[in-house]
Amino acid sequence: MLKTLFLQCFILTTLWFLCSCEPKKEELRSKPKPVIRIGIMDWPGFYPLMLAIHDGVFQKTSYQIEIVKGKDNFELNSFIESGKVDLCFGVFADHLLIRGNGKKIKYIYAADFSKSDVLVVDKKIKSFNDLIGKKISITDINSFSEFFILRMLERKKIPESKVSFKVFPFDQVTEQLDNKTISAGHTWDPETAKALAKGYKILANAYELKGMITDGLMATEEILQRQPESVSEILFLIDQYVANIKTLNLSQKNYLALFFNTSIENIDSSIKTGVEFLNLEKNQELFKSESNEGLTYWSREISNFFTQRGQIRTKVAVTEILDQTFIDQALQKKKTNEIKK
């Protein structure tokens, strides 16, 4: 009797031990990867990220990428301001303004120098002096658009008071020129091509002051603190597609055209002529440089502009907006991989 009771107790104890050691069903399931949300719009400098997604390189990472598409820079800015995304592409000048208004973000990567931001003018306009007394369209007041036009006027010694501004979206410039509402307007492709086809001319290009309109990636301080290695890896993976951006295959072009709801011809044209693409090496140089192409120089210039116009109370310090840490880490990984090869 005692032996039987002992045996039963032994069996029950053994079963309890084995059950307690068995992993729970929840533990057997793989934990979901953390999601990093990135805001993007149709702009050639941002294509390398989409190419990395097309090729599936992020499937091997420890995180997921969620793309949030915006129709323009203003919608992208609202994404980062509202917390809808963790990282967001856009124009450096806008990013600095967002930081100046209190949002805890850092500018971590320069994707390109714009060659597409242009001032398109009526057929009668031959020089900047012909713009005196005329109306010029910008995409928004106290924005990178106004900054671009004012710097171009300043180069020609034409004061702001000698012209007037009207606000129109970039893709309405040709229509407004047709209607004689404006004599000139800030725009970019594909609207520029439409304007040129009607006989309007380009009077100025942002690339004349290289670095004035730099497009790139900003990130919330929260994501930089929570997943710093992931952010560095994203920059590293983006960079892998910069070198061969002008030799895309048909599958890649189709993917970009479908995602951005445009044509392959527009994709080809914007890649070839729209921007100067910037790799990690160039980024490191720009973040360190004090030259008039460097981000330090333009940080001060843009900060002065917004402060003088009352858009921010105090100037944004260079160290508040620029963070080179993640470029340096990505570049180190790139060099390590090249040595292994």
C-alpha atoms as a PDB file:
ATOM      1  CA  MET A   1       0.000   0.000   0.000  1.00  0.00           C
ATOM      2  CA  LEU A   2       2.731   2.395   1.021  1.00  0.00           C
ATOM      3  CA  LYS A   3       4.771   1.446  -2.042  1.00  0.00           C
ATOM      4  CA  THR A   4       1.770   2.137  -4.293  1.00  0.00           C
ATOM      5  CA  LEU A   5       1.152   5.504  -2.620  1.00  0.00           C
ATOM      6  CA  PHE A   6       4.823   6.417  -2.923  1.00  0.00           C
ATOM      7  CA  LEU A   7       4.846   5.462  -6.610  1.00  0.00           C
ATOM      8  CA  GLN A   8       1.759   7.579  -7.286  1.00  0.00           C
ATOM      9  CA  CYS A   9       3.318  10.564  -5.519  1.00  0.00           C
ATOM     10  CA  PHE A  10       6.552  10.122  -7.481  1.00  0.00           C
ATOM     11  CA  ILE A  11       4.677  10.018 -10.800  1.00  0.00           C
ATOM     12  CA  LEU A  12       2.597  13.104  -9.933  1.00  0.00           C
ATOM     13  CA  THR A  13       5.688  15.037  -8.818  1.00  0.00           C
ATOM     14  CA  THR A  14       7.539  14.092 -12.016  1.00  0.00           C
ATOM     15  CA  LEU A  15       4.617  15.140 -14.203  1.00  0.00           C
ATOM     16  CA  TRP A  16       4.318  18.487 -12.357  1.00  0.00           C
ATOM     17  CA  PHE A  17       8.048  19.115 -12.851  1.00  0.00           C
ATOM     18  CA  LEU A  18       7.923  18.285 -16.555  1.00  0.00           C
ATOM     19  CA  CYS A  19       4.883  20.518 -17.105  1.00  0.00           C
ATOM     20  CA  SER A  20       6.473  23.413 -15.257  1.00  0.00           C
ATOM     21  CA  CYS A  21       9.558  23.139 -17.483  1.00  0.00           C
ATOM     22  CA  GLU A  22       7.543  23.112 -20.724  1.00  0.00           C
ATOM     23  CA  PRO A  23       7.558  26.495 -22.438  1.00  0.00           C
ATOM     24  CA  LYS A  24       4.257  28.283 -22.597  1.00  0.00           C
ATOM     25  CA  LYS A  25       2.632  28.568 -26.007  1.00  0.00           C
ATOM     26  CA  GLU A  26       3.161  32.336 -25.913  1.00  0.00           C
ATOM     27  CA  GLU A  27       6.873  31.811 -25.350  1.00  0.00           C
ATOM     28  CA  LEU A  28       7.086  29.404 -28.300  1.00  0.00           C
ATOM     29  CA  ARG A  29       5.770  32.094 -30.596  1.00  0.00           C
ATOM     30  CA  SER A  30       8.480  34.427 -31.859  1.00  0.00           C
ATOM     31  CA  LYS A  31       8.238  37.909 -30.434  1.00  0.00           C
ATOM     32  CA  PRO A  32       7.100  40.488 -32.997  1.00  0.00           C
ATOM     33  CA  LYS A  33       9.858  42.719 -34.294  1.00  0.00           C
ATOM     34  CA  PRO A  34       9.738  46.352 -33.172  1.00  0.00           C
ATOM     35  CA  VAL A  35       8.421  48.674 -35.867  1.00  0.00           C
ATOM     36  CA  ILE A  36      10.234  51.778 -37.109  1.00  0.00           C
ATOM     37  CA  ARG A  37       7.905  54.122 -39.005  1.00  0.00           C
ATOM     38  CA  ILE A  38       9.446  56.249 -41.756  1.00  0.00           C
ATOM     39  CA  GLY A  39       7.759  59.134 -43.587  1.00  0.00           C
ATOM     40  CA  ILE A  40       8.543  59.543 -47.297  1.00  0.00           C
ATOM     41  CA  MET A  41       7.325  61.328 -50.435  1.00  0.00           C
ATOM     42  CA  ASP A  42       8.168  61.136 -54.128  1.00  0.00           C
ATOM     43  CA  TRP A  43      11.662  62.618 -54.360  1.00  0.00           C
ATOM     44  CA  PRO A  44      14.707  61.021 -56.040  1.00  0.00           C
ATOM     45  CA  GLY A  45      16.964  61.457 -53.036  1.00  0.00           C
ATOM     46  CA  PHE A  46      14.629  59.223 -51.029  1.00  0.00           C
ATOM     47  CA  TYR A  47      14.487  56.392 -53.576  1.00  0.00           C
ATOM     48  CA  PRO A  48      17.410  54.372 -52.120  1.00  0.00           C
ATOM     49  CA  LEU A  49      15.335  53.450 -49.051  1.00  0.00           C
ATOM     50  CA  MET A  50      12.504  52.164 -51.240  1.00  0.00           C
ATOM     51  CA  LEU A  51      14.964  50.153 -53.323  1.00  0.00           C
ATOM     52  CA  ALA A  52      16.240  48.478 -50.157  1.00  0.00           C
ATOM     53  CA  ILE A  53      12.650  47.585 -49.275  1.00  0.00           C
ATOM     54  CA  HIS A  54      12.048  46.292 -52.820  1.00  0.00           C
ATOM     55  CA  ASP A  55      15.025  43.955 -52.508  1.00  0.00           C
ATOM     56  CA  GLY A  56      13.898  42.689 -49.110  1.00  0.00           C
ATOM     57  CA  VAL A  57      17.042  43.626 -47.196  1.00  0.00           C
ATOM     58  CA  PHE A  58      15.052  44.696 -44.129  1.00  0.00           C
ATOM     59  CA  GLN A  59      13.562  41.209 -43.780  1.00  0.00           C
ATOM     60  CA  LYS A  60      16.875  40.086 -42.296  1.00  0.00           C
ATOM     61  CA  THR A  61      16.971  42.812 -39.649  1.00  0.00           C
ATOM     62  CA  SER A  62      15.769  42.701 -36.043  1.00  0.00           C
ATOM     63  CA  TYR A  63      13.080  45.338 -36.723  1.00  0.00           C
ATOM     64  CA  GLN A  64      10.319  46.054 -39.223  1.00  0.00           C
ATOM     65  CA  ILE A  65      10.047  49.088 -41.468  1.00  0.00           C
ATOM     66  CA  GLU A  66       6.656  50.699 -41.904  1.00  0.00           C
ATOM     67  CA  ILE A  67       6.484  53.291 -44.682  1.00  0.00           C
ATOM     68  CA  VAL A  68       4.100  56.236 -44.276  1.00  0.00           C
ATOM     69  CA  LYS A  69       3.709  58.044 -47.599  1.00  0.00           C
ATOM     70  CA  GLY A  70       2.974  61.760 -47.779  1.00  0.00           C
ATOM     71  CA  LYS A  71       1.990  63.843 -50.779  1.00  0.00           C
ATOM     72  CA  ASP A  72       4.400  66.719 -50.071  1.00  0.00           C
ATOM     73  CA  ASN A  73       6.869  68.219 -47.585  1.00  0.00           C
ATOM     74  CA  PHE A  74       4.137  69.819 -45.520  1.00  0.00           C
ATOM     75  CA  GLU A  75       2.412  66.514 -44.897  1.00  0.00           C
ATOM     76  CA  LEU A  76       5.743  64.899 -44.036  1.00  0.00           C
ATOM     77  CA  ASN A  77       6.416  67.674 -41.525  1.00  0.00           C
ATOM     78  CA  SER A  78       3.028  67.043 -39.922  1.00  0.00           C
ATOM     79  CA  PHE A  79       3.903  63.344 -39.585  1.00  0.00           C
ATOM     80  CA  ILE A  80       6.963  64.052 -37.434  1.00  0.00           C
ATOM     81  CA  GLU A  81       5.252  66.850 -35.489  1.00  0.00           C
ATOM     82  CA  SER A  82       2.293  64.638 -34.566  1.00  0.00           C
ATOM     83  CA  GLY A  83       4.382  61.577 -33.714  1.00  0.00           C
ATOM     84  CA  LYS A  84       3.001  59.545 -36.618  1.00  0.00           C
ATOM     85  CA  VAL A  85       6.533  58.500 -37.651  1.00  0.00           C
ATOM     86  CA  ASP A  86       9.889  57.892 -35.984  1.00  0.00           C
ATOM     87  CA  LEU A  87      12.063  58.974 -38.912  1.00  0.00           C
ATOM     88  CA  CYS A  88      11.041  61.305 -41.704  1.00  0.00           C
ATOM     89  CA  PHE A  89      12.527  62.501 -44.967  1.00  0.00           C
ATOM     90  CA  GLY A  90      12.218  66.142 -45.949  1.00  0.00           C
ATOM     91  CA  VAL A  91      14.003  69.464 -46.360  1.00  0.00           C
ATOM     92  CA  PHE A  92      16.666  70.455 -43.823  1.00  0.00           C
ATOM     93  CA  ALA A  93      15.331  73.999 -43.432  1.00  0.00           C
ATOM     94  CA  ASP A  94      11.917  72.652 -42.434  1.00  0.00           C
ATOM     95  CA  HIS A  95      13.509  70.212 -40.010  1.00  0.00           C
ATOM     96  CA  LEU A  96      15.378  73.033 -38.301  1.00  0.00           C
ATOM     97  CA  LEU A  97      12.163  75.044 -37.972  1.00  0.00           C
ATOM     98  CA  ILE A  98      10.400  72.048 -36.415  1.00  0.00           C
ATOM     99  CA  ARG A  99      13.248  71.696 -33.913  1.00  0.00           C
ATOM    100  CA  GLY A 100      13.136  75.416 -33.182  1.00  0.00           C
ATOM    101  CA  ASN A 101       9.447  75.106 -32.348  1.00  0.00           C
ATOM    102  CA  GLY A 102      10.167  72.536 -29.657  1.00  0.00           C
ATOM    103  CA  LYS A 103       9.957  69.096 -31.266  1.00  0.00           C
ATOM    104  CA  LYS A 104      12.796  66.894 -30.024  1.00  0.00           C
ATOM    105  CA  ILE A 105      14.292  65.768 -33.330  1.00  0.00           C
ATOM    106  CA  LYS A 106      17.755  65.432 -34.831  1.00  0.00           C
ATOM    107  CA  TYR A 107      18.922  65.694 -38.423  1.00  0.00           C
ATOM    108  CA  ILE A 108      20.919  62.497 -38.950  1.00  0.00           C
ATOM    109  CA  TYR A 109      21.465  62.039 -42.698  1.00  0.00           C
ATOM    110  CA  ALA A 110      21.703  64.197 -45.838  1.00  0.00           C
ATOM    111  CA  ALA A 111      20.241  62.390 -48.847  1.00  0.00           C
ATOM    112  CA  ASP A 112      20.895  64.936 -51.601  1.00  0.00           C
ATOM    113  CA  PHE A 113      21.565  68.449 -52.809  1.00  0.00           C
ATOM    114  CA  SER A 114      18.571  69.586 -54.799  1.00  0.00           C
ATOM    115  CA  LYS A 115      19.002  70.436 -58.479  1.00  0.00           C
ATOM    116  CA  SER A 116      15.245  70.455 -59.104  1.00  0.00           C
ATOM    117  CA  ASP A 117      14.196  73.423 -56.980  1.00  0.00           C
ATOM    118  CA  VAL A 118      14.007  76.226 -59.516  1.00  0.00           C
ATOM    119  CA  LEU A 119      12.511  79.650 -60.121  1.00  0.00           C
ATOM    120  CA  VAL A 120      10.441  79.455 -63.301  1.00  0.00           C
ATOM    121  CA  VAL A 121       9.566  82.795 -64.911  1.00  0.00           C
ATOM    122  CA  ASP A 122       7.301  84.292 -67.524  1.00  0.00           C
ATOM    123  CA  LYS A 123       8.663  84.557 -71.061  1.00  0.00           C
ATOM    124  CA  LYS A 124       9.056  88.343 -70.714  1.00  0.00           C
ATOM    125  CA  ILE A 125      11.354  88.068 -67.688  1.00  0.00           C
ATOM    126  CA  LYS A 126      14.989  88.228 -68.812  1.00  0.00           C
ATOM    127  CA  SER A 127      16.777  88.907 -65.505  1.00  0.00           C
ATOM    128  CA  PHE A 128      16.171  89.318 -61.782  1.00  0.00           C
ATOM    129  CA  ASN A 129      15.796  93.064 -62.267  1.00  0.00           C
ATOM    130  CA  ASP A 130      12.699  92.354 -64.342  1.00  0.00           C
ATOM    131  CA  LEU A 131      11.099  90.819 -61.229  1.00  0.00           C
ATOM    132  CA  ILE A 132      10.991  94.170 -59.427  1.00  0.00           C
ATOM    133  CA  GLY A 133       7.351  95.010 -58.749  1.00  0.00           C
ATOM    134  CA  LYS A 134       6.234  91.534 -59.791  1.00  0.00           C
ATOM    135  CA  LYS A 135       4.500  88.662 -57.935  1.00  0.00           C
ATOM    136  CA  ILE A 136       6.471  85.477 -57.158  1.00  0.00           C
ATOM    137  CA  SER A 137       4.861  82.286 -55.904  1.00  0.00           C
ATOM    138  CA  ILE A 138       6.288  80.274 -53.020  1.00  0.00           C
ATOM    139  CA  THR A 139       4.913  77.074 -51.534  1.00  0.00           C
ATOM    140  CA  ASP A 140       4.477  78.609 -48.078  1.00  0.00           C
ATOM    141  CA  ILE A 141       5.361  81.675 -46.036  1.00  0.00           C
ATOM    142  CA  ASN A 142       8.397  81.339 -43.747  1.00  0.00           C
ATOM    143  CA  SER A 143       9.438  78.070 -45.330  1.00  0.00           C
ATOM    144  CA  PHE A 144      12.396  76.659 -47.231  1.00  0.00           C
ATOM    145  CA  SER A 145      10.633  77.932 -50.359  1.00  0.00           C
ATOM    146  CA  GLU A 146      10.667  81.556 -49.212  1.00  0.00           C
ATOM    147  CA  PHE A 147      14.219  81.159 -47.916  1.00  0.00           C
ATOM    148  CA  PHE A 148      15.331  79.932 -51.373  1.00  0.00           C
ATOM    149  CA  ILE A 149      13.756  82.849 -53.248  1.00  0.00           C
ATOM    150  CA  LEU A 150      15.003  85.490 -50.806  1.00  0.00           C
ATOM    151  CA  ARG A 151      18.562  84.177 -50.981  1.00  0.00           C
ATOM    152  CA  MET A 152      18.447  84.309 -54.770  1.00  0.00           C
ATOM    153  CA  LEU A 153      17.144  87.886 -54.691  1.00  0.00           C
ATOM    154  CA  GLU A 154      19.798  88.806 -52.149  1.00  0.00           C
ATOM    155  CA  ARG A 155      22.530  87.557 -54.491  1.00  0.00           C
ATOM    156  CA  LYS A 156      21.260  90.023 -57.092  1.00  0.00           C
ATOM    157  CA  LYS A 157      20.985  92.808 -54.493  1.00  0.00           C
ATOM    158  CA  ILE A 158      17.208  93.025 -54.853  1.00  0.00           C
ATOM    159  CA  PRO A 159      15.493  93.736 -51.495  1.00  0.00           C
ATOM    160  CA  GLU A 160      12.435  91.760 -50.422  1.00  0.00           C
ATOM    161  CA  SER A 161      10.343  94.939 -50.463  1.00  0.00           C
ATOM    162  CA  LYS A 162      10.756  95.205 -54.250  1.00  0.00           C
ATOM    163  CA  VAL A 163       8.710  92.033 -54.926  1.00  0.00           C
ATOM    164  CA  SER A 164       5.531  90.483 -53.519  1.00  0.00           C
ATOM    165  CA  PHE A 165       4.806  86.856 -52.694  1.00  0.00           C
ATOM    166  CA  LYS A 166       1.802  84.663 -53.427  1.00  0.00           C
ATOM    167  CA  VAL A 167       1.367  81.174 -51.970  1.00  0.00           C
ATOM    168  CA  PHE A 168       0.614  78.379 -54.415  1.00  0.00           C
ATOM    169  CA  PRO A 169       1.481  74.658 -54.400  1.00  0.00           C
ATOM    170  CA  PHE A 170       4.480  73.765 -56.555  1.00  0.00           C
ATOM    171  CA  ASP A 171       2.269  71.917 -59.050  1.00  0.00           C
ATOM    172  CA  GLN A 172       0.148  75.018 -59.788  1.00  0.00           C
ATOM    173  CA  VAL A 173       2.967  77.259 -60.991  1.00  0.00           C
ATOM    174  CA  THR A 174       2.369  76.684 -64.709  1.00  0.00           C
ATOM    175  CA  GLU A 175      -1.347  77.327 -64.326  1.00  0.00           C
ATOM    176  CA  GLN A 176      -0.728  80.558 -62.408  1.00  0.00           C
ATOM    177  CA  LEU A 177       1.786  81.724 -65.012  1.00  0.00           C
ATOM    178  CA  ASP A 178      -0.814  81.018 -67.690  1.00  0.00           C
ATOM    179  CA  ASN A 179      -3.391  83.050 -65.744  1.00  0.00           C
ATOM    180  CA  LYS A 180      -0.919  85.934 -65.255  1.00  0.00           C
ATOM    181  CA  THR A 181      -1.482  85.657 -61.491  1.00  0.00           C
ATOM    182  CA  ILE A 182       2.295  85.511 -61.021  1.00  0.00           C
ATOM    183  CA  SER A 183       5.370  86.376 -63.060  1.00  0.00           C
ATOM    184  CA  ALA A 184       7.579  83.734 -61.450  1.00  0.00           C
ATOM    185  CA  GLY A 185       7.251  80.748 -59.166  1.00  0.00           C
ATOM    186  CA  HIS A 186       9.244  78.252 -57.112  1.00  0.00           C
ATOM    187  CA  THR A 187       8.645  74.723 -58.336  1.00  0.00           C
ATOM    188  CA  TRP A 188      10.302  71.402 -59.176  1.00  0.00           C
ATOM    189  CA  ASP A 189       9.779  68.406 -61.438  1.00  0.00           C
ATOM    190  CA  PRO A 190       7.508  67.228 -62.895  1.00  0.00           C
ATOM    191  CA  GLU A 191       5.930  70.710 -62.830  1.00  0.00           C
ATOM    192  CA  THR A 192       9.115  72.290 -64.191  1.00  0.00           C
ATOM    193  CA  ALA A 193       8.954  70.120 -67.308  1.00  0.00           C
ATOM    194  CA  LYS A 194       5.353  71.190 -67.845  1.00  0.00           C
ATOM    195  CA  ALA A 195       6.302  74.866 -67.560  1.00  0.00           C
ATOM    196  CA  LEU A 196       9.263  74.516 -69.928  1.00  0.00           C
ATOM    197  CA  ALA A 197       7.050  72.774 -72.483  1.00  0.00           C
ATOM    198  CA  LYS A 198       4.899  75.906 -72.541  1.00  0.00           C
ATOM    199  CA  GLY A 199       7.869  78.176 -73.178  1.00  0.00           C
ATOM    200  CA  TYR A 200       8.506  79.427 -69.641  1.00  0.00           C
ATOM    201  CA  LYS A 201      12.125  79.647 -68.502  1.00  0.00           C
ATOM    202  CA  ILE A 202      14.287  78.801 -65.504  1.00  0.00           C
ATOM    203  CA  LEU A 203      15.860  81.915 -64.013  1.00  0.00           C
ATOM    204  CA  ALA A 204      17.527  80.324 -60.969  1.00  0.00           C
ATOM    205  CA  ASN A 205      18.348  76.901 -59.551  1.00  0.00           C
ATOM    206  CA  ALA A 206      18.956  76.087 -55.868  1.00  0.00           C
ATOM    207  CA  TYR A 207      22.050  74.153 -56.893  1.00  0.00           C
ATOM    208  CA  GLU A 208      23.726  77.507 -57.576  1.00  0.00           C
ATOM    209  CA  LEU A 209      24.027  77.756 -53.795  1.00  0.00           C
ATOM    210  CA  LYS A 210      24.827  74.112 -53.157  1.00  0.00           C
ATOM    211  CA  GLY A 211      23.635  73.005 -49.736  1.00  0.00           C
ATOM    212  CA  MET A 212      20.935  75.670 -49.459  1.00  0.00           C
ATOM    213  CA  ILE A 213      18.259  73.061 -50.130  1.00  0.00           C
ATOM    214  CA  THR A 214      19.510  69.798 -48.698  1.00  0.00           C
ATOM    215  CA  ASP A 215      17.057  66.934 -48.379  1.00  0.00           C
ATOM    216  CA  GLY A 216      17.522  64.272 -45.768  1.00  0.00           C
ATOM    217  CA  LEU A 217      16.352  62.334 -42.775  1.00  0.00           C
ATOM    218  CA  MET A 218      15.299  63.559 -39.351  1.00  0.00           C
ATOM    219  CA  ALA A 219      14.596  61.312 -36.380  1.00  0.00           C
ATOM    220  CA  THR A 220      12.887  61.715 -33.039  1.00  0.00           C
ATOM    221  CA  GLU A 221      15.214  61.651 -30.064  1.00  0.00           C
ATOM    222  CA  GLU A 222      13.040  58.848 -28.681  1.00  0.00           C
ATOM    223  CA  ILE A 223      13.861  56.420 -31.514  1.00  0.00           C
ATOM    224  CA  LEU A 224      17.536  57.411 -31.412  1.00  0.00           C
ATOM    225  CA  GLN A 225      17.676  56.502 -27.737  1.00  0.00           C
ATOM    226  CA  ARG A 226      15.515  53.366 -28.022  1.00  0.00           C
ATOM    227  CA  GLN A 227      17.037  51.785 -31.147  1.00  0.00           C
ATOM    228  CA  PRO A 228      20.332  53.512 -31.994  1.00  0.00           C
ATOM    229  CA  GLU A 229      21.856  50.444 -33.679  1.00  0.00           C
ATOM    230  CA  SER A 230      18.776  50.008 -35.872  1.00  0.00           C
ATOM    231  CA  VAL A 231      18.957  53.636 -37.018  1.00  0.00           C
ATOM    232  CA  SER A 232      22.642  53.260 -37.925  1.00  0.00           C
ATOM    233  CA  GLU A 233      21.855  50.100 -39.862  1.00  0.00           C
ATOM    234  CA  ILE A 234      19.098  51.856 -41.813  1.00  0.00           C
ATOM    235  CA  LEU A 235      21.610  54.486 -42.957  1.00  0.00           C
ATOM    236  CA  PHE A 236      24.083  51.745 -43.881  1.00  0.00           C
ATOM    237  CA  LEU A 237      21.466  49.892 -45.960  1.00  0.00           C
ATOM    238  CA  ILE A 238      20.286  53.085 -47.680  1.00  0.00           C
ATOM    239  CA  ASP A 239      23.873  53.868 -48.646  1.00  0.00           C
ATOM    240  CA  GLN A 240      24.247  50.543 -50.441  1.00  0.00           C
ATOM    241  CA  TYR A 241      21.779  51.765 -53.067  1.00  0.00           C
ATOM    242  CA  VAL A 242      23.236  55.248 -53.565  1.00  0.00           C
ATOM    243  CA  ALA A 243      26.256  54.166 -55.649  1.00  0.00           C
ATOM    244  CA  ASN A 244      24.151  52.330 -58.266  1.00  0.00           C
ATOM    245  CA  ILE A 245      21.097  54.570 -58.225  1.00  0.00           C
ATOM    246  CA  LYS A 246      21.551  55.557 -61.884  1.00  0.00           C
ATOM    247  CA  THR A 247      21.676  51.967 -63.168  1.00  0.00           C
ATOM    248  CA  LEU A 248      18.381  50.551 -61.905  1.00  0.00           C
ATOM    249  CA  ASN A 249      16.804  47.504 -63.509  1.00  0.00           C
ATOM    250  CA  LEU A 250      13.248  47.489 -64.864  1.00  0.00           C
ATOM    251  CA  SER A 251      11.822  45.735 -61.802  1.00  0.00           C
ATOM    252  CA  GLN A 252      13.201  48.447 -59.504  1.00  0.00           C
ATOM    253  CA  LYS A 253      11.917  51.257 -61.726  1.00  0.00           C
ATOM    254  CA  ASN A 254       8.477  49.657 -61.938  1.00  0.00           C
ATOM    255  CA  TYR A 255       8.365  49.329 -58.171  1.00  0.00           C
ATOM    256  CA  LEU A 256       9.191  53.018 -57.639  1.00  0.00           C
ATOM    257  CA  ALA A 257       6.736  54.162 -60.321  1.00  0.00           C
ATOM    258  CA  LEU A 258       3.937  52.045 -58.860  1.00  0.00           C
ATOM    259  CA  PHE A 259       4.602  53.087 -55.264  1.00  0.00           C
ATOM    260  CA  PHE A 260       4.795  56.805 -56.047  1.00  0.00           C
ATOM    261  CA  ASN A 261       2.029  56.684 -58.679  1.00  0.00           C
ATOM    262  CA  THR A 262       4.175  58.146 -61.438  1.00  0.00           C
ATOM    263  CA  SER A 263       5.750  57.035 -64.706  1.00  0.00           C
ATOM    264  CA  ILE A 264       9.058  55.263 -65.301  1.00  0.00           C
ATOM    265  CA  GLU A 265      10.020  58.247 -67.464  1.00  0.00           C
ATOM    266  CA  ASN A 266       9.593  60.581 -64.471  1.00  0.00           C
ATOM    267  CA  ILE A 267      11.598  58.210 -62.282  1.00  0.00           C
ATOM    268  CA  ASP A 268      14.418  58.122 -64.848  1.00  0.00           C
ATOM    269  CA  SER A 269      14.434  61.876 -65.362  1.00  0.00           C
ATOM    270  CA  SER A 270      14.418  62.795 -61.673  1.00  0.00           C
ATOM    271  CA  ILE A 271      17.243  60.361 -60.885  1.00  0.00           C
ATOM    272  CA  LYS A 272      19.415  61.639 -63.721  1.00  0.00           C
ATOM    273  CA  THR A 273      18.943  65.377 -63.269  1.00  0.00           C
ATOM    274  CA  GLY A 274      16.971  66.063 -60.095  1.00  0.00           C
ATOM    275  CA  VAL A 275      19.577  65.838 -57.354  1.00  0.00           C
ATOM    276  CA  GLU A 276      23.171  65.207 -56.399  1.00  0.00           C
ATOM    277  CA  PHE A 277      23.037  62.000 -54.363  1.00  0.00           C
ATOM    278  CA  LEU A 278      25.131  61.947 -51.184  1.00  0.00           C
ATOM    279  CA  ASN A 279      26.841  58.846 -49.795  1.00  0.00           C
ATOM    280  CA  LEU A 280      28.009  58.240 -46.232  1.00  0.00           C
ATOM    281  CA  GLU A 281      31.486  59.596 -46.935  1.00  0.00           C
ATOM    282  CA  LYS A 282      30.030  62.855 -48.259  1.00  0.00           C
ATOM    283  CA  ASN A 283      27.683  62.992 -45.274  1.00  0.00           C
ATOM    284  CA  GLN A 284      30.555  62.785 -42.827  1.00  0.00           C
ATOM    285  CA  GLU A 285      32.248  65.640 -44.659  1.00  0.00           C
ATOM    286  CA  LEU A 286      29.099  67.790 -44.681  1.00  0.00           C
ATOM    287  CA  PHE A 287      28.415  67.311 -40.983  1.00  0.00           C
ATOM    288  CA  LYS A 288      31.980  68.309 -40.092  1.00  0.00           C
ATOM    289  CA  SER A 289      32.577  71.031 -42.661  1.00  0.00           C
ATOM    290  CA  GLU A 290      32.455  74.754 -41.902  1.00  0.00           C
ATOM    291  CA  SER A 291      32.339  75.580 -45.629  1.00  0.00           C
ATOM    292  CA  ASN A 292      29.322  77.173 -47.305  1.00  0.00           C
ATOM    293  CA  GLU A 293      28.236  73.731 -48.504  1.00  0.00           C
ATOM    294  CA  GLY A 294      28.352  72.246 -45.019  1.00  0.00           C
ATOM    295  CA  LEU A 295      25.410  71.712 -42.718  1.00  0.00           C
ATOM    296  CA  THR A 296      26.984  73.771 -39.934  1.00  0.00           C
ATOM    297  CA  TYR A 297      27.022  76.849 -42.193  1.00  0.00           C
ATOM    298  CA  TRP A 298      23.456  76.345 -43.389  1.00  0.00           C
ATOM    299  CA  SER A 299      22.237  75.562 -39.870  1.00  0.00           C
ATOM    300  CA  ARG A 300      23.316  79.036 -38.797  1.00  0.00           C
ATOM    301  CA  GLU A 301      21.999  80.752 -41.928  1.00  0.00           C
ATOM    302  CA  ILE A 302      18.582  79.112 -41.742  1.00  0.00           C
ATOM    303  CA  SER A 303      18.343  79.601 -37.972  1.00  0.00           C
ATOM    304  CA  ASN A 304      19.095  83.311 -38.430  1.00  0.00           C
ATOM    305  CA  PHE A 305      16.420  83.544 -41.125  1.00  0.00           C
ATOM    306  CA  PHE A 306      13.661  82.007 -39.002  1.00  0.00           C
ATOM    307  CA  THR A 307      14.690  83.949 -35.889  1.00  0.00           C
ATOM    308  CA  GLN A 308      14.667  87.286 -37.699  1.00  0.00           C
ATOM    309  CA  ARG A 309      11.207  86.547 -39.087  1.00  0.00           C
ATOM    310  CA  GLY A 310       9.853  85.600 -35.666  1.00  0.00           C
ATOM    311  CA  GLN A 311       9.215  81.959 -36.495  1.00  0.00           C
ATOM    312  CA  ILE A 312      11.416  80.745 -33.642  1.00  0.00           C
ATOM    313  CA  ARG A 313      12.196  82.613 -30.429  1.00  0.00           C
ATOM    314  CA  THR A 314      15.847  81.700 -30.140  1.00  0.00           C
ATOM    315  CA  LYS A 315      18.393  80.442 -32.637  1.00  0.00           C
ATOM    316  CA  VAL A 316      18.788  76.692 -32.900  1.00  0.00           C
ATOM    317  CA  ALA A 317      22.316  75.682 -31.923  1.00  0.00           C
ATOM    318  CA  VAL A 318      24.157  73.431 -34.353  1.00  0.00           C
ATOM    319  CA  THR A 319      24.492  70.742 -31.685  1.00  0.00           C
ATOM    320  CA  GLU A 320      20.707  70.822 -31.110  1.00  0.00           C
ATOM    321  CA  ILE A 321      19.832  69.881 -34.678  1.00  0.00           C
ATOM    322  CA  LEU A 322      22.795  67.956 -36.117  1.00  0.00           C
ATOM    323  CA  ASP A 323      23.831  64.489 -34.908  1.00  0.00           C
ATOM    324  CA  GLN A 324      26.624  62.791 -36.824  1.00  0.00           C
ATOM    325  CA  THR A 325      26.772  59.742 -34.539  1.00  0.00           C
ATOM    326  CA  PHE A 326      24.721  57.448 -36.744  1.00  0.00           C
ATOM    327  CA  ILE A 327      26.546  58.358 -39.944  1.00  0.00           C
ATOM    328  CA  ASP A 328      29.863  57.561 -38.261  1.00  0.00           C
ATOM    329  CA  GLN A 329      28.555  54.189 -37.067  1.00  0.00           C
ATOM    330  CA  ALA A 330      27.116  53.322 -40.486  1.00  0.00           C
ATOM    331  CA  LEU A 331      30.350  54.331 -42.191  1.00  0.00           C
ATOM    332  CA  GLN A 332      32.377  52.182 -39.809  1.00  0.00           C
ATOM    333  CA  LYS A 333      30.176  49.202 -40.678  1.00  0.00           C
ATOM    334  CA  LYS A 334      30.634  49.966 -44.382  1.00  0.00           C
ATOM    335  CA  LYS A 335      34.430  50.025 -44.024  1.00  0.00           C
ATOM    336  CA  THR A 336      34.409  46.794 -41.997  1.00  0.00           C
ATOM    337  CA  ASN A 337      32.350  45.046 -44.680  1.00  0.00           C
ATOM    338  CA  GLU A 338      34.720  46.251 -47.419  1.00  0.00           C
ATOM    339  CA  ILE A 339      37.708  44.823 -45.523  1.00  0.00           C
ATOM    340  CA  LYS A 340      35.946  41.455 -45.182  1.00  0.00           C
ATOM    341  CA  LYS A 341      35.365  41.353 -48.940  1.00  0.00           C
END
